[in-house]
N, C-alpha and C. Protein backbone atom coordinates (compact mmCIF):
# COMPACT_ATOMS: atom_id res chain seq x y z
N UNK A 1 21.94 15.40 25.10
CA UNK A 1 21.75 14.56 24.02
C UNK A 1 20.31 14.35 23.65
N UNK A 2 19.66 14.37 24.80
CA UNK A 2 18.00 14.22 24.42
C UNK A 2 17.45 15.09 23.57
N UNK A 3 17.61 16.33 24.09
CA UNK A 3 17.48 17.38 23.00
C UNK A 3 17.41 17.51 21.73
N UNK A 4 19.03 16.74 21.42
CA UNK A 4 19.35 16.88 19.93
C UNK A 4 18.71 15.58 19.27
N UNK A 5 18.32 14.67 20.16
CA UNK A 5 17.62 13.71 19.36
C UNK A 5 16.25 14.13 19.06
N UNK A 6 15.42 14.95 19.94
CA UNK A 6 14.08 15.32 19.54
C UNK A 6 13.80 16.30 18.52
N UNK A 7 14.93 17.15 18.58
CA UNK A 7 14.97 18.23 17.11
C UNK A 7 15.37 17.81 16.08
N UNK A 8 16.35 16.63 15.83
CA UNK A 8 16.61 15.61 14.84
C UNK A 8 15.23 15.12 14.39
N UNK A 9 14.36 14.37 15.05
CA UNK A 9 13.25 13.71 15.14
C UNK A 9 12.15 14.55 14.30
N UNK A 10 12.05 15.87 15.09
CA UNK A 10 10.96 16.80 14.39
C UNK A 10 11.58 16.98 12.91
N UNK A 11 12.93 17.45 12.99
CA UNK A 11 13.36 18.08 11.35
C UNK A 11 13.21 16.98 10.58
N UNK A 12 13.69 15.64 10.73
CA UNK A 12 13.16 14.59 9.49
C UNK A 12 11.67 14.32 9.57
N UNK A 13 10.68 14.29 10.94
CA UNK A 13 9.46 14.33 10.39
C UNK A 13 8.98 15.29 9.65
N UNK A 14 9.03 16.53 9.60
CA UNK A 14 8.78 17.73 8.89
C UNK A 14 8.93 17.63 7.60
N UNK A 15 10.30 16.88 7.06
CA UNK A 15 10.35 17.11 5.81
C UNK A 15 9.75 15.59 5.25
N UNK A 16 9.52 14.88 6.10
CA UNK A 16 8.87 13.68 5.37
C UNK A 16 7.24 13.72 5.29
N UNK A 17 6.70 14.42 6.19
CA UNK A 17 5.43 14.32 6.36
C UNK A 17 4.93 15.50 5.36
N UNK A 18 5.08 16.69 4.88
CA UNK A 18 5.10 17.73 4.54
C UNK A 18 6.04 17.70 3.01
N UNK A 19 5.03 17.90 1.93
CA UNK A 19 5.77 18.24 0.68
C UNK A 19 5.99 17.01 -0.22
N UNK A 20 5.92 15.66 0.70
CA UNK A 20 6.47 14.67 0.19
C UNK A 20 5.58 13.74 -1.09
N UNK A 21 5.70 13.35 -1.97
CA UNK A 21 5.20 13.02 -2.91
C UNK A 21 4.83 11.53 -2.71
N UNK A 22 3.29 11.03 -2.39
CA UNK A 22 3.07 9.57 -2.08
C UNK A 22 2.02 9.12 -3.72
N UNK A 23 2.49 7.86 -3.96
CA UNK A 23 1.72 7.32 -4.99
C UNK A 23 0.35 6.67 -4.50
N UNK A 24 -0.40 6.48 -5.12
CA UNK A 24 -1.72 6.44 -4.58
C UNK A 24 -2.43 5.59 -5.63
N UNK A 25 -3.66 5.27 -5.43
CA UNK A 25 -4.61 4.46 -6.53
C UNK A 25 -5.52 4.97 -6.91
N UNK A 26 -6.26 4.76 -7.86
CA UNK A 26 -7.89 5.17 -8.42
C UNK A 26 -8.80 4.84 -7.60
N UNK A 27 -8.68 3.98 -6.50
CA UNK A 27 -9.58 3.15 -5.58
C UNK A 27 -9.54 4.26 -4.44
N UNK A 28 -8.56 4.97 -4.41
CA UNK A 28 -8.62 6.27 -3.46
C UNK A 28 -9.98 7.09 -3.51
N UNK A 29 -10.67 7.06 -2.40
CA UNK A 29 -12.12 7.89 -2.44
C UNK A 29 -11.51 9.48 -2.80
N UNK A 30 -10.71 10.09 -2.31
CA UNK A 30 -10.51 11.70 -2.71
C UNK A 30 -9.65 11.73 -3.93
N UNK A 31 -8.92 10.80 -4.48
CA UNK A 31 -8.53 10.53 -5.77
C UNK A 31 -9.60 10.90 -6.76
N UNK A 32 -10.93 9.79 -6.70
CA UNK A 32 -11.84 9.64 -7.36
C UNK A 32 -13.06 11.05 -7.49
N UNK A 33 -12.56 11.49 -6.06
CA UNK A 33 -13.43 13.18 -6.18
C UNK A 33 -12.76 13.97 -6.94
N UNK A 34 -11.14 14.19 -6.91
CA UNK A 34 -10.39 15.05 -7.94
C UNK A 34 -10.73 14.86 -9.29
N UNK A 35 -10.65 13.51 -9.83
CA UNK A 35 -10.79 13.28 -11.07
C UNK A 35 -12.60 13.39 -11.66
N UNK A 36 -13.52 13.35 -10.67
CA UNK A 36 -14.79 13.64 -11.00
C UNK A 36 -14.39 15.09 -11.37
N UNK A 37 -14.11 16.13 -10.21
CA UNK A 37 -13.81 17.61 -10.52
C UNK A 37 -13.07 18.03 -11.90
N UNK A 38 -11.74 17.25 -11.87
CA UNK A 38 -11.63 17.68 -13.27
C UNK A 38 -12.08 16.93 -14.62
N UNK A 39 -12.61 16.46 -14.69
CA UNK A 39 -13.54 15.88 -15.46
C UNK A 39 -14.27 16.67 -15.94
N UNK A 40 -15.28 17.43 -14.69
CA UNK A 40 -16.44 17.85 -15.43
C UNK A 40 -15.57 19.33 -15.77
N UNK A 41 -14.53 19.59 -15.44
CA UNK A 41 -13.81 21.20 -15.88
C UNK A 41 -13.71 20.62 -17.57
N UNK A 42 -13.12 19.77 -17.77
CA UNK A 42 -12.70 19.24 -19.06
C UNK A 42 -13.95 19.14 -19.97
N UNK A 43 -14.98 18.78 -18.99
CA UNK A 43 -16.43 18.77 -20.35
C UNK A 43 -16.98 20.22 -20.10
N UNK A 44 -16.83 21.01 -19.42
CA UNK A 44 -17.14 22.37 -19.52
C UNK A 44 -16.17 23.12 -20.66
N UNK A 45 -15.35 22.58 -20.82
CA UNK A 45 -14.11 23.81 -21.87
C UNK A 45 -14.18 22.66 -23.23
N UNK A 46 -14.92 21.76 -23.12
CA UNK A 46 -14.65 20.93 -24.57
C UNK A 46 -15.76 21.05 -25.32
N UNK A 47 -15.51 20.92 -26.59
CA UNK A 47 -16.76 21.30 -27.41
C UNK A 47 -17.44 19.74 -28.10
N UNK A 48 -16.83 18.73 -27.47
CA UNK A 48 -17.16 17.37 -27.91
C UNK A 48 -19.20 17.63 -27.56
N UNK A 49 -19.71 16.76 -28.10
CA UNK A 49 -21.20 16.72 -28.04
C UNK A 49 -21.27 15.70 -26.99
N UNK A 50 -20.54 14.63 -26.60
CA UNK A 50 -20.79 13.64 -25.88
C UNK A 50 -20.22 14.26 -24.79
N UNK A 51 -20.11 13.41 -23.55
CA UNK A 51 -19.50 13.65 -22.27
C UNK A 51 -18.39 13.01 -22.46
N UNK A 52 -17.19 13.34 -22.10
CA UNK A 52 -16.16 12.34 -22.26
C UNK A 52 -16.26 11.91 -20.42
N UNK A 53 -15.63 10.82 -20.50
CA UNK A 53 -15.74 9.86 -19.18
C UNK A 53 -14.19 9.16 -19.12
N UNK A 54 -13.83 9.40 -17.70
CA UNK A 54 -12.27 8.45 -17.29
C UNK A 54 -12.82 7.21 -16.70
N UNK A 55 -12.05 6.15 -17.61
CA UNK A 55 -12.36 5.11 -17.40
C UNK A 55 -11.25 4.07 -16.82
N UNK A 56 -10.21 4.66 -16.68
CA UNK A 56 -8.90 4.26 -16.04
C UNK A 56 -8.28 4.89 -15.55
N UNK A 57 -7.75 4.71 -14.43
CA UNK A 57 -6.59 5.36 -13.79
C UNK A 57 -5.39 4.79 -13.67
N UNK A 58 -4.40 5.74 -14.75
CA UNK A 58 -3.15 5.39 -15.35
C UNK A 58 -2.09 5.62 -13.94
N UNK A 59 -1.97 6.32 -13.25
CA UNK A 59 -1.19 7.27 -12.53
C UNK A 59 -1.66 7.89 -11.26
N UNK A 60 -1.15 8.09 -10.11
CA UNK A 60 -1.86 8.53 -9.22
C UNK A 60 -1.05 9.02 -8.02
N UNK A 61 -1.00 10.66 -7.86
CA UNK A 61 0.08 10.83 -6.62
C UNK A 61 -0.68 11.85 -5.52
N UNK A 62 -0.51 12.25 -4.53
CA UNK A 62 -0.68 12.94 -3.49
C UNK A 62 -0.09 13.68 -2.55
N UNK A 63 0.11 14.86 -2.51
CA UNK A 63 0.98 15.40 -1.93
C UNK A 63 0.65 16.72 -0.85
N UNK A 64 0.73 16.32 0.13
CA UNK A 64 0.30 17.56 1.68
C UNK A 64 1.18 18.96 1.00
N UNK A 65 0.27 19.77 0.90
CA UNK A 65 0.55 21.19 0.86
C UNK A 65 -0.20 21.96 1.44
N UNK A 66 -0.35 23.18 1.05
CA UNK A 66 -1.40 23.65 1.90
C UNK A 66 -2.61 23.45 1.63
N UNK A 67 -3.13 22.24 2.17
CA UNK A 67 -4.40 21.72 1.70
C UNK A 67 -3.76 19.96 0.70
N UNK A 68 -4.11 19.84 -0.21
CA UNK A 68 -3.87 18.24 -0.69
C UNK A 68 -3.65 18.95 -2.61
N UNK A 69 -2.63 18.45 -3.14
CA UNK A 69 -2.51 18.46 -4.48
C UNK A 69 -2.65 16.53 -4.77
N UNK A 70 -3.47 16.77 -5.89
CA UNK A 70 -3.49 15.16 -6.52
C UNK A 70 -3.55 15.17 -8.13
N UNK A 71 -2.22 14.51 -7.88
CA UNK A 71 -2.19 14.41 -10.01
C UNK A 71 -2.96 12.83 -10.25
N UNK A 72 -3.18 13.27 -11.20
CA UNK A 72 -3.85 11.78 -11.98
C UNK A 72 -3.98 11.71 -13.22
N UNK A 73 -3.73 10.67 -14.04
CA UNK A 73 -3.13 10.39 -14.94
C UNK A 73 -4.74 9.32 -15.50
N UNK A 74 -5.50 9.61 -16.27
CA UNK A 74 -6.63 8.70 -16.70
C UNK A 74 -6.64 8.67 -18.25
N UNK A 75 -6.97 7.53 -18.89
CA UNK A 75 -7.51 7.11 -19.83
C UNK A 75 -8.90 7.65 -20.02
N UNK A 76 -9.27 8.45 -21.14
CA UNK A 76 -10.65 9.06 -21.33
C UNK A 76 -10.96 8.71 -22.62
N UNK A 77 -12.41 8.25 -23.04
CA UNK A 77 -13.28 8.37 -23.89
C UNK A 77 -14.40 9.20 -23.96
N UNK A 78 -15.15 9.17 -25.31
CA UNK A 78 -16.34 9.74 -25.29
C UNK A 78 -17.51 8.68 -24.98
N UNK A 79 -18.43 9.08 -24.12
CA UNK A 79 -19.77 7.98 -24.24
C UNK A 79 -20.80 8.44 -25.31
N UNK A 80 -21.01 8.10 -26.48
CA UNK A 80 -21.96 7.99 -27.50
C UNK A 80 -23.55 7.56 -26.75
N UNK A 81 -23.66 6.95 -25.67
CA UNK A 81 -24.78 7.03 -24.80
C UNK A 81 -25.16 8.41 -23.85
N UNK A 82 -24.28 9.38 -23.67
CA UNK A 82 -24.18 10.40 -22.98
C UNK A 82 -23.74 11.70 -23.32
N UNK A 83 -24.75 12.26 -24.12
CA UNK A 83 -24.44 13.74 -24.52
C UNK A 83 -24.28 14.61 -23.34
N UNK A 84 -23.68 15.92 -23.55
CA UNK A 84 -23.06 16.33 -22.57
C UNK A 84 -24.29 17.00 -22.34
N UNK A 85 -25.07 17.10 -20.84
CA UNK A 85 -26.07 18.01 -20.34
C UNK A 85 -26.31 17.85 -18.80
N UNK A 86 -26.79 18.87 -18.49
CA UNK A 86 -26.98 18.68 -17.02
C UNK A 86 -27.26 17.56 -16.38
N UNK A 87 -27.91 16.83 -16.86
CA UNK A 87 -28.42 15.38 -16.31
C UNK A 87 -27.33 14.53 -16.55
N UNK A 88 -26.08 14.57 -17.24
CA UNK A 88 -25.09 13.77 -17.18
C UNK A 88 -23.82 14.18 -16.10
N UNK A 89 -23.97 15.05 -15.26
CA UNK A 89 -22.80 15.82 -14.97
C UNK A 89 -22.12 14.65 -13.79
N UNK A 90 -23.24 13.94 -13.12
CA UNK A 90 -22.32 13.34 -12.36
C UNK A 90 -22.74 11.73 -12.46
N UNK A 91 -23.11 11.49 -13.65
CA UNK A 91 -23.32 10.01 -14.31
C UNK A 91 -21.94 9.19 -14.21
N UNK A 92 -22.19 7.85 -14.02
CA UNK A 92 -21.01 7.01 -13.80
C UNK A 92 -20.95 6.06 -14.65
N UNK A 93 -19.90 5.37 -15.21
CA UNK A 93 -19.53 4.43 -16.12
C UNK A 93 -20.51 3.76 -16.58
N UNK A 94 -21.10 3.17 -15.72
CA UNK A 94 -22.47 2.31 -16.09
C UNK A 94 -23.41 2.74 -16.58
N UNK A 95 -23.73 4.19 -16.42
CA UNK A 95 -24.72 4.73 -17.09
C UNK A 95 -24.31 5.49 -18.39
N UNK A 96 -23.11 5.71 -18.67
CA UNK A 96 -22.26 6.23 -19.61
C UNK A 96 -20.92 5.58 -20.09
N UNK A 97 -21.35 4.42 -21.09
CA UNK A 97 -20.21 3.39 -20.95
C UNK A 97 -19.18 4.13 -22.08
N UNK A 98 -18.02 4.06 -22.01
CA UNK A 98 -16.93 4.44 -23.13
C UNK A 98 -16.50 2.81 -24.08
N UNK A 99 -16.65 3.06 -25.47
CA UNK A 99 -16.14 1.91 -26.30
C UNK A 99 -14.67 1.99 -26.29
N UNK A 100 -13.86 3.08 -26.54
CA UNK A 100 -12.46 3.08 -26.92
C UNK A 100 -11.90 4.45 -26.30
N UNK A 101 -10.74 4.01 -26.04
CA UNK A 101 -9.62 5.20 -25.45
C UNK A 101 -9.53 6.27 -26.58
N UNK A 102 -9.40 7.42 -26.41
CA UNK A 102 -9.33 8.52 -27.23
C UNK A 102 -8.59 9.18 -26.59
N UNK A 103 -7.83 9.69 -25.45
CA UNK A 103 -6.59 10.51 -25.15
C UNK A 103 -6.50 9.77 -23.87
N UNK A 104 -5.44 10.35 -23.11
CA UNK A 104 -4.57 10.46 -21.97
C UNK A 104 -4.72 11.59 -21.14
N UNK A 105 -5.41 11.72 -20.42
CA UNK A 105 -5.29 13.46 -19.46
C UNK A 105 -4.45 13.32 -18.10
N UNK A 106 -3.58 14.18 -18.07
CA UNK A 106 -3.02 14.57 -16.74
C UNK A 106 -3.68 15.73 -15.93
N UNK A 107 -4.16 15.37 -14.58
CA UNK A 107 -4.79 16.56 -13.74
C UNK A 107 -4.27 16.83 -12.58
N UNK A 108 -4.16 17.83 -12.66
CA UNK A 108 -3.51 18.48 -11.10
C UNK A 108 -4.71 19.09 -10.30
N UNK A 109 -5.17 18.70 -9.16
CA UNK A 109 -6.41 19.24 -8.54
C UNK A 109 -5.59 19.76 -6.94
N UNK A 110 -6.00 20.82 -6.80
CA UNK A 110 -5.52 21.24 -5.62
C UNK A 110 -7.06 21.22 -4.58
N UNK A 111 -6.69 20.61 -3.75
CA UNK A 111 -7.91 20.22 -2.56
C UNK A 111 -7.61 21.37 -1.31
N UNK A 112 -8.60 22.49 -1.11
CA UNK A 112 -8.37 23.15 0.54
C UNK A 112 -9.98 22.95 0.82
N UNK A 113 -10.00 21.75 1.70
CA UNK A 113 -11.40 21.36 2.27
C UNK A 113 -12.37 22.26 2.98
N UNK A 114 -11.49 22.88 3.96
CA UNK A 114 -11.48 23.72 5.03
C UNK A 114 -12.14 25.11 4.71
N UNK A 115 -11.73 25.44 3.52
CA UNK A 115 -12.39 27.02 2.98
C UNK A 115 -14.00 27.27 2.52
N UNK A 116 -14.75 28.16 3.28
CA UNK A 116 -16.26 27.94 3.22
C UNK A 116 -16.62 28.44 1.41
N UNK A 117 -16.03 28.82 0.80
CA UNK A 117 -16.55 28.98 -0.51
C UNK A 117 -16.34 27.64 -1.69
N UNK A 118 -17.20 26.95 -1.65
CA UNK A 118 -17.27 26.04 -2.64
C UNK A 118 -16.28 26.03 -3.88
N UNK A 119 -16.53 27.05 -4.26
CA UNK A 119 -15.60 27.61 -5.44
C UNK A 119 -14.30 27.46 -5.15
N UNK A 120 -14.03 27.71 -4.06
CA UNK A 120 -12.20 27.74 -3.94
C UNK A 120 -11.79 26.77 -3.18
N UNK A 121 -12.83 25.51 -2.81
CA UNK A 121 -12.28 24.57 -2.31
C UNK A 121 -11.26 23.67 -3.12
N UNK A 122 -11.65 23.41 -4.63
CA UNK A 122 -10.73 22.72 -5.68
C UNK A 122 -10.52 23.66 -6.54
N UNK A 123 -9.38 23.65 -7.00
CA UNK A 123 -9.00 24.11 -8.19
C UNK A 123 -8.35 22.80 -9.12
N UNK A 124 -8.13 23.29 -10.32
CA UNK A 124 -7.68 22.48 -11.35
C UNK A 124 -6.52 23.52 -11.42
N UNK A 125 -5.03 22.75 -11.40
CA UNK A 125 -4.19 23.78 -11.27
C UNK A 125 -3.16 23.32 -12.82
N UNK A 126 -3.57 22.32 -13.28
CA UNK A 126 -2.90 21.99 -14.53
C UNK A 126 -3.52 20.96 -15.14
N UNK A 127 -3.83 20.68 -16.52
CA UNK A 127 -4.45 20.09 -17.14
C UNK A 127 -3.84 19.60 -18.51
N UNK A 128 -3.44 18.34 -19.04
CA UNK A 128 -2.62 18.53 -20.36
C UNK A 128 -3.43 16.95 -20.46
N UNK A 129 -3.94 16.80 -22.10
CA UNK A 129 -4.24 15.58 -22.89
C UNK A 129 -3.79 15.71 -23.88
N UNK A 130 -3.82 14.41 -24.44
CA UNK A 130 -2.94 14.25 -25.42
C UNK A 130 -3.44 12.79 -25.83
N UNK A 131 -3.67 12.63 -27.50
CA UNK A 131 -3.75 11.14 -28.07
C UNK A 131 -2.59 10.62 -28.39
N UNK A 132 -1.59 10.96 -28.40
CA UNK A 132 -0.15 10.28 -28.84
C UNK A 132 0.80 10.35 -27.81
N UNK A 133 0.80 10.52 -26.57
CA UNK A 133 1.76 10.65 -25.67
C UNK A 133 1.58 9.84 -24.46
N UNK A 134 2.19 9.22 -23.51
CA UNK A 134 1.80 8.41 -22.42
C UNK A 134 2.12 9.45 -21.40
N UNK A 135 1.24 9.65 -20.77
CA UNK A 135 1.34 10.87 -19.74
C UNK A 135 1.58 10.31 -18.32
N UNK A 136 2.41 10.49 -17.47
CA UNK A 136 2.43 10.06 -15.85
C UNK A 136 2.57 11.46 -14.75
N UNK A 137 2.26 11.09 -13.97
CA UNK A 137 2.25 12.40 -12.51
C UNK A 137 3.95 12.91 -12.45
N UNK A 138 4.91 12.12 -12.67
CA UNK A 138 6.36 12.31 -12.64
C UNK A 138 6.50 13.53 -13.16
N UNK A 139 6.16 13.81 -14.47
CA UNK A 139 6.79 14.83 -15.69
C UNK A 139 6.06 16.35 -14.66
N UNK A 140 4.97 16.12 -13.94
CA UNK A 140 4.93 17.73 -13.51
C UNK A 140 5.24 17.85 -11.75
N UNK A 141 6.34 17.05 -11.71
CA UNK A 141 6.63 17.09 -10.27
C UNK A 141 8.37 17.32 -10.08
N UNK A 142 8.96 16.95 -10.99
CA UNK A 142 10.46 17.22 -11.05
C UNK A 142 10.94 18.23 -9.83
N UNK A 143 10.33 19.65 -10.32
CA UNK A 143 11.07 20.42 -9.87
C UNK A 143 10.54 20.53 -8.17
N UNK A 144 9.72 19.91 -7.95
CA UNK A 144 9.38 19.58 -6.56
C UNK A 144 10.01 19.03 -5.94
N UNK A 145 10.43 17.81 -6.41
CA UNK A 145 11.38 16.63 -5.71
C UNK A 145 12.73 17.22 -5.30
N UNK A 146 13.22 18.07 -6.08
CA UNK A 146 14.33 18.82 -6.25
C UNK A 146 14.29 19.61 -5.00
N UNK A 147 13.40 20.57 -4.63
CA UNK A 147 13.19 21.43 -3.39
C UNK A 147 13.19 20.42 -2.24
N UNK A 148 12.55 19.45 -2.47
CA UNK A 148 12.57 18.53 -1.39
C UNK A 148 13.64 17.87 -0.81
N UNK A 149 14.60 17.64 -1.78
CA UNK A 149 15.96 16.98 -1.79
C UNK A 149 16.76 18.11 -1.00
N UNK A 150 16.76 19.28 -1.57
CA UNK A 150 17.24 20.33 -0.81
C UNK A 150 16.96 20.49 0.80
N UNK A 151 15.77 20.67 0.88
CA UNK A 151 15.49 20.58 2.28
C UNK A 151 15.71 19.86 3.19
N UNK A 152 16.06 18.46 2.43
CA UNK A 152 16.90 17.19 3.09
C UNK A 152 18.13 17.55 3.46
N UNK A 153 19.08 18.22 2.48
CA UNK A 153 20.12 18.44 2.74
C UNK A 153 20.59 19.49 3.81
N UNK A 154 19.40 20.39 3.81
CA UNK A 154 19.50 21.40 4.87
C UNK A 154 19.39 20.68 6.53
N UNK A 155 18.50 19.97 6.42
CA UNK A 155 18.53 18.93 7.59
C UNK A 155 19.54 18.26 8.04
N UNK A 156 20.13 17.85 6.75
CA UNK A 156 21.34 16.83 7.06
C UNK A 156 22.34 17.69 7.75
N UNK A 157 22.33 19.07 7.15
CA UNK A 157 23.42 20.20 7.78
C UNK A 157 23.17 20.40 9.28
N UNK A 158 21.81 20.69 9.52
CA UNK A 158 21.12 20.76 10.90
C UNK A 158 21.83 19.96 12.02
N UNK A 159 21.47 18.77 11.48
CA UNK A 159 21.68 17.27 12.10
C UNK A 159 23.40 17.41 12.64
N UNK A 160 24.01 17.80 11.62
CA UNK A 160 25.58 17.49 11.81
C UNK A 160 26.03 18.66 12.74
N UNK A 161 25.55 19.94 12.41
CA UNK A 161 25.81 20.94 13.34
C UNK A 161 25.32 20.66 14.77
N UNK A 162 24.11 19.84 15.11
CA UNK A 162 23.49 19.26 16.15
C UNK A 162 24.75 18.59 16.86
N UNK A 163 25.29 17.39 16.10
CA UNK A 163 25.95 16.36 16.70
C UNK A 163 27.33 16.96 17.07
N UNK A 164 27.35 18.18 16.40
CA UNK A 164 29.14 18.86 16.57
C UNK A 164 29.15 19.69 17.96
N UNK A 165 27.74 19.67 18.58
CA UNK A 165 27.85 20.67 19.81
C UNK A 165 28.37 19.75 20.93
């Protein structure tokens, strides 16, 4: 009986600890780091003269994978006080204020902090910006949730087999 309870507990903890998507906020330091990374990538790709700045976190989730996936939706605008230049890469909103929202952007950043190569530690795996759509993190993770539900069903079947012993 003790062994069956132990097996069930381990199976349940594995399903809910790894792969589960958890809501978080823009105040989370790791989320802020992911937003900074994604905004630097967006600015490097854009032809905008001024630096784009994220000024509000609309939605944020994190997911334990081989590392951590951060999905963040942010309100973005140009700062007419800050042209894109190396001097402004790490600028704050106080230094580079935004007058109006120009778009919403959804970023998914994969972090693997244990890797030695700094260029491999963070990867922007998804980026979508829109001027007319309201974006959410749930749009990009539906299939992952289905996979998790299938794993939960497998665990339920395992539990039933243990009970039948």
